[in-house]
Amino acid sequence: MDEESNRRGKERDPYSDFLSDISDQFASKDEEKDFMENIGQGPLEEGGPALVGERIRNVREKKGLSLPDISQRTGISESTLEDIEKGNMDPPLGTVIKLAKALEMKMGYFISGEETRPFTIVRQGDRKVISRYDSKKGQQYGYQYESLAPHKKDRHMEPFMVTLEPAETEEERSSHDGQEFIYVMEGTMEVRLGEEVHLLYPGDAIYYDSTVPHLVKCHGKEATRILAVLYAER
């Protein structure tokens, strides 16, 4: 289990974990733009843990920060940080989020590279699947997702293909700024929105304000596959 989950002491539903992982706030666009113009390198191609670790190391060194500095900011051990930077470990998305916050960068840069394109096309066979898991243990943590808009600059929407795995979790609602649109592609999705509970089946969709306490999870014993589009004002 990753360090963030250990600190919480209890599991949440996979979709809440997914939202928590991608909805944290980062540095302002102007600060990030200035840094990216000075980093002196073009975007790296998408890839596995080696490239994620390389991006993390490059940014850390450009900012003049040491591994102990990052460890103190994130609570991640220096040995784990070293494994990530060397590509020996595929970090869970929550760990990437913490590193992005510590380095004052957007999480998307570490996964996809720079966001420099006026538009982006993602072919079906080119989508990169990212799972939340500890690669050393090979243990799944409830979901995997595919980004559908890597590299698009100044985007207000974050579209993902998300697979929710069956999991026994405590029923904990979450709320945050923005709006969400979800379209169910496979399986059955349970959504708890305010005081209402609904089951959605393939072909069903829901659109709601994320400020309303909500819970989205896989219903039943089969995995659920959804298209999730998150919108937030910048």
Protein backbone atom coordinates (compact mmCIF):
# COMPACT_ATOMS: atom_id res chain seq x y z
CA MET A 1 0.00 0.00 0.00
CA ASP A 2 1.39 3.50 -0.82
CA GLU A 3 2.40 5.94 1.90
CA GLU A 4 -0.65 8.17 1.36
CA SER A 5 -3.01 5.24 2.02
CA ASN A 6 -1.04 4.25 5.11
CA ARG A 7 -1.38 7.75 6.49
CA ARG A 8 -5.13 7.84 5.91
CA GLY A 9 -5.49 4.56 7.76
CA LYS A 10 -8.54 3.49 5.77
CA GLU A 11 -9.49 2.91 2.15
CA ARG A 12 -11.78 5.07 0.07
CA ASP A 13 -13.69 4.07 -3.00
CA PRO A 14 -11.44 3.82 -6.10
CA TYR A 15 -13.05 6.73 -7.95
CA SER A 16 -12.56 9.05 -4.96
CA ASP A 17 -8.92 8.00 -4.86
CA PHE A 18 -8.69 8.70 -8.59
CA LEU A 19 -10.17 12.19 -8.16
CA SER A 20 -7.98 12.92 -5.17
CA ASP A 21 -4.93 11.91 -7.16
CA ILE A 22 -5.57 14.27 -10.06
CA SER A 23 -7.42 17.25 -8.57
CA ASP A 24 -4.78 18.76 -6.26
CA GLN A 25 -3.69 22.34 -6.95
CA PHE A 26 -0.30 23.15 -8.49
CA ALA A 27 1.79 26.19 -9.24
CA SER A 28 0.33 29.08 -11.24
CA LYS A 29 0.49 28.84 -15.01
CA ASP A 30 2.82 31.86 -15.24
CA GLU A 31 5.32 30.38 -12.77
CA GLU A 32 5.27 27.04 -14.52
CA LYS A 33 5.58 28.62 -17.98
CA ASP A 34 8.64 30.59 -16.88
CA PHE A 35 10.25 27.47 -15.45
CA MET A 36 9.51 25.34 -18.50
CA GLU A 37 11.04 27.98 -20.77
CA ASN A 38 14.21 27.84 -18.68
CA ILE A 39 14.47 24.08 -18.22
CA GLY A 40 16.28 23.77 -21.54
CA GLN A 41 14.73 20.60 -22.93
CA GLY A 42 11.86 19.52 -25.14
CA PRO A 43 9.06 17.20 -24.11
CA LEU A 44 9.98 13.61 -23.44
CA GLU A 45 7.93 10.88 -25.05
CA GLU A 46 5.37 9.08 -22.93
CA GLY A 47 6.61 5.91 -21.34
CA GLY A 48 7.12 3.86 -18.22
CA PRO A 49 8.67 4.46 -14.82
CA ALA A 50 12.12 5.25 -16.24
CA LEU A 51 10.85 8.36 -18.05
CA VAL A 52 8.68 9.46 -15.11
CA GLY A 53 11.70 9.20 -12.85
CA GLU A 54 13.89 11.03 -15.35
CA ARG A 55 11.47 13.95 -15.51
CA ILE A 56 11.29 14.11 -11.72
CA ARG A 57 15.07 14.10 -11.39
CA ASN A 58 15.52 16.74 -14.12
CA VAL A 59 13.07 19.14 -12.48
CA ARG A 60 14.46 18.55 -9.00
CA GLU A 61 18.01 19.26 -10.15
CA LYS A 62 16.97 22.34 -12.17
CA LYS A 63 15.32 23.72 -9.03
CA GLY A 64 18.45 23.04 -6.99
CA LEU A 65 16.74 20.62 -4.62
CA SER A 66 18.26 17.52 -3.03
CA LEU A 67 16.65 14.17 -2.31
CA PRO A 68 16.53 15.04 1.42
CA ASP A 69 14.72 18.29 0.50
CA ILE A 70 12.04 16.38 -1.43
CA SER A 71 11.79 13.70 1.23
CA GLN A 72 11.14 16.37 3.87
CA ARG A 73 8.46 18.03 1.70
CA THR A 74 6.62 14.82 0.80
CA GLY A 75 7.29 12.33 3.58
CA ILE A 76 8.59 9.87 0.97
CA SER A 77 11.79 8.12 2.00
CA GLU A 78 15.03 9.00 0.22
CA SER A 79 15.50 5.37 -0.83
CA THR A 80 12.06 5.33 -2.47
CA LEU A 81 12.76 8.63 -4.23
CA GLU A 82 16.04 7.22 -5.50
CA ASP A 83 14.27 4.11 -6.84
CA ILE A 84 11.71 6.32 -8.62
CA GLU A 85 14.34 8.54 -10.22
CA LYS A 86 16.35 5.54 -11.41
CA GLY A 87 13.25 3.96 -12.94
CA ASN A 88 13.36 0.97 -10.58
CA MET A 89 9.88 1.73 -9.26
CA ASP A 90 6.64 2.74 -11.00
CA PRO A 91 5.21 5.24 -8.49
CA PRO A 92 1.48 5.23 -7.67
CA LEU A 93 -0.34 8.26 -9.00
CA GLY A 94 -0.78 9.65 -5.49
CA THR A 95 3.01 9.67 -5.09
CA VAL A 96 3.40 11.52 -8.41
CA ILE A 97 0.89 14.09 -7.14
CA LYS A 98 2.88 14.66 -3.96
CA LEU A 99 6.09 15.03 -5.95
CA ALA A 100 4.42 17.47 -8.36
CA LYS A 101 3.24 19.61 -5.45
CA ALA A 102 6.69 19.53 -3.84
CA LEU A 103 8.31 20.54 -7.14
CA GLU A 104 5.59 23.12 -7.95
CA MET A 105 4.72 21.44 -11.24
CA LYS A 106 1.61 19.97 -12.82
CA MET A 107 1.24 16.23 -12.41
CA GLY A 108 0.58 15.87 -16.15
CA TYR A 109 4.11 16.94 -17.04
CA PHE A 110 5.65 13.97 -15.24
CA ILE A 111 3.29 11.52 -16.94
CA SER A 112 3.02 12.97 -20.45
CA GLY A 113 5.69 15.63 -20.84
CA GLU A 114 5.13 19.29 -21.63
CA GLU A 115 1.66 20.62 -22.45
CA THR A 116 2.54 22.53 -25.61
CA ARG A 117 0.06 21.53 -28.31
CA PRO A 118 -3.02 23.50 -29.44
CA PHE A 119 -4.79 20.17 -29.95
CA THR A 120 -4.10 16.51 -29.30
CA ILE A 121 -5.22 13.31 -31.00
CA VAL A 122 -5.02 10.01 -29.14
CA ARG A 123 -5.44 6.91 -31.30
CA GLN A 124 -7.05 3.85 -29.75
CA GLY A 125 -3.87 1.79 -29.98
CA ASP A 126 -1.69 4.60 -28.61
CA ARG A 127 -3.37 5.18 -25.24
CA LYS A 128 -1.09 4.67 -22.25
CA VAL A 129 -2.65 2.65 -19.42
CA ILE A 130 -1.61 3.77 -15.97
CA SER A 131 -2.49 1.62 -12.96
CA ARG A 132 -2.40 2.60 -9.34
CA TYR A 133 -0.23 -0.14 -7.92
CA ASP A 134 3.00 -0.90 -6.11
CA SER A 135 5.17 -2.45 -8.80
CA LYS A 136 7.34 -4.21 -6.22
CA LYS A 137 4.36 -6.11 -4.86
CA GLY A 138 2.35 -6.25 -8.07
CA GLN A 139 -0.71 -5.31 -6.06
CA GLN A 140 -3.61 -3.42 -7.67
CA TYR A 141 -5.08 -0.46 -5.81
CA GLY A 142 -8.54 -0.18 -7.26
CA TYR A 143 -8.33 1.53 -10.63
CA GLN A 144 -6.45 2.13 -13.82
CA TYR A 145 -6.88 5.01 -16.21
CA GLU A 146 -5.91 6.27 -19.65
CA SER A 147 -5.46 9.99 -20.29
CA LEU A 148 -7.30 11.13 -23.41
CA ALA A 149 -5.75 14.59 -23.69
CA PRO A 150 -2.01 14.44 -23.03
CA HIS A 151 0.06 17.48 -24.10
CA LYS A 152 -2.96 19.77 -24.77
CA LYS A 153 -2.03 23.17 -23.38
CA ASP A 154 -4.34 25.46 -21.41
CA ARG A 155 -7.01 22.80 -21.08
CA HIS A 156 -9.97 23.17 -18.75
CA MET A 157 -11.23 19.60 -19.15
CA GLU A 158 -9.45 16.40 -18.10
CA PRO A 159 -10.91 13.38 -19.95
CA PHE A 160 -10.00 9.87 -18.82
CA MET A 161 -10.97 6.28 -19.48
CA VAL A 162 -11.20 4.75 -16.01
CA THR A 163 -11.56 1.11 -14.98
CA LEU A 164 -12.96 0.67 -11.46
CA GLU A 165 -12.16 -2.64 -9.82
CA PRO A 166 -14.49 -4.31 -7.29
CA ALA A 167 -13.29 -3.45 -3.81
CA GLU A 168 -14.63 -3.54 -0.27
CA THR A 169 -14.34 0.04 0.92
CA GLU A 170 -15.88 2.28 3.52
CA GLU A 171 -18.64 4.50 2.20
CA GLU A 172 -17.03 7.93 2.23
CA ARG A 173 -18.30 10.76 0.05
CA SER A 174 -16.04 13.45 -1.34
CA SER A 175 -16.57 16.97 -2.67
CA HIS A 176 -14.37 19.46 -4.51
CA ASP A 177 -14.60 22.35 -6.95
CA GLY A 178 -15.65 21.77 -10.55
CA GLN A 179 -18.04 19.54 -12.45
CA GLU A 180 -17.95 15.91 -13.62
CA PHE A 181 -19.47 14.05 -16.53
CA ILE A 182 -19.42 10.24 -16.48
CA TYR A 183 -20.55 7.84 -19.20
CA VAL A 184 -20.74 4.14 -18.36
CA MET A 185 -19.24 1.88 -21.01
CA GLU A 186 -19.07 -1.52 -19.30
CA GLY A 187 -20.32 -2.99 -16.03
CA THR A 188 -22.49 -1.32 -13.41
CA MET A 189 -21.57 1.88 -11.62
CA GLU A 190 -23.04 2.98 -8.30
CA VAL A 191 -23.25 6.71 -7.67
CA ARG A 192 -24.31 8.32 -4.41
CA LEU A 193 -25.07 11.98 -4.91
CA GLY A 194 -26.32 13.88 -1.88
CA GLU A 195 -29.09 11.72 -0.41
CA GLU A 196 -29.76 9.85 -3.67
CA VAL A 197 -28.37 6.48 -4.78
CA HIS A 198 -28.43 5.41 -8.44
CA LEU A 199 -27.16 2.46 -10.44
CA LEU A 200 -25.94 3.29 -13.95
CA TYR A 201 -25.56 0.71 -16.72
CA PRO A 202 -23.77 0.74 -20.11
CA GLY A 203 -25.08 3.67 -22.12
CA ASP A 204 -26.15 5.66 -19.03
CA ALA A 205 -24.56 9.00 -18.16
CA ILE A 206 -24.52 11.48 -15.30
CA TYR A 207 -23.37 15.11 -15.06
CA TYR A 208 -23.15 16.84 -11.67
CA ASP A 209 -21.49 19.59 -9.68
CA SER A 210 -18.52 18.17 -7.82
CA THR A 211 -19.29 20.41 -4.86
CA VAL A 212 -22.16 18.06 -3.98
CA PRO A 213 -20.87 15.24 -1.73
CA HIS A 214 -20.66 12.19 -3.96
CA LEU A 215 -19.42 8.63 -4.14
CA VAL A 216 -18.74 6.71 -7.36
CA LYS A 217 -17.79 3.05 -7.25
CA CYS A 218 -17.96 -0.27 -9.05
CA HIS A 219 -21.19 -2.12 -8.24
CA GLY A 220 -21.04 -5.89 -8.15
CA LYS A 221 -18.19 -8.31 -8.80
CA GLU A 222 -17.26 -7.25 -12.34
CA ALA A 223 -15.01 -4.31 -13.21
CA THR A 224 -16.71 -1.14 -14.42
CA ARG A 225 -15.31 0.93 -17.29
CA ILE A 226 -16.27 4.59 -17.57
CA LEU A 227 -15.46 7.76 -19.50
CA ALA A 228 -14.88 10.49 -16.91
CA VAL A 229 -14.51 14.14 -17.88
CA LEU A 230 -13.53 16.59 -15.14
CA TYR A 231 -13.93 20.35 -15.56
CA ALA A 232 -12.45 23.04 -13.36
CA GLU A 233 -12.10 26.80 -13.72
CA ARG A 234 -8.53 27.97 -14.00
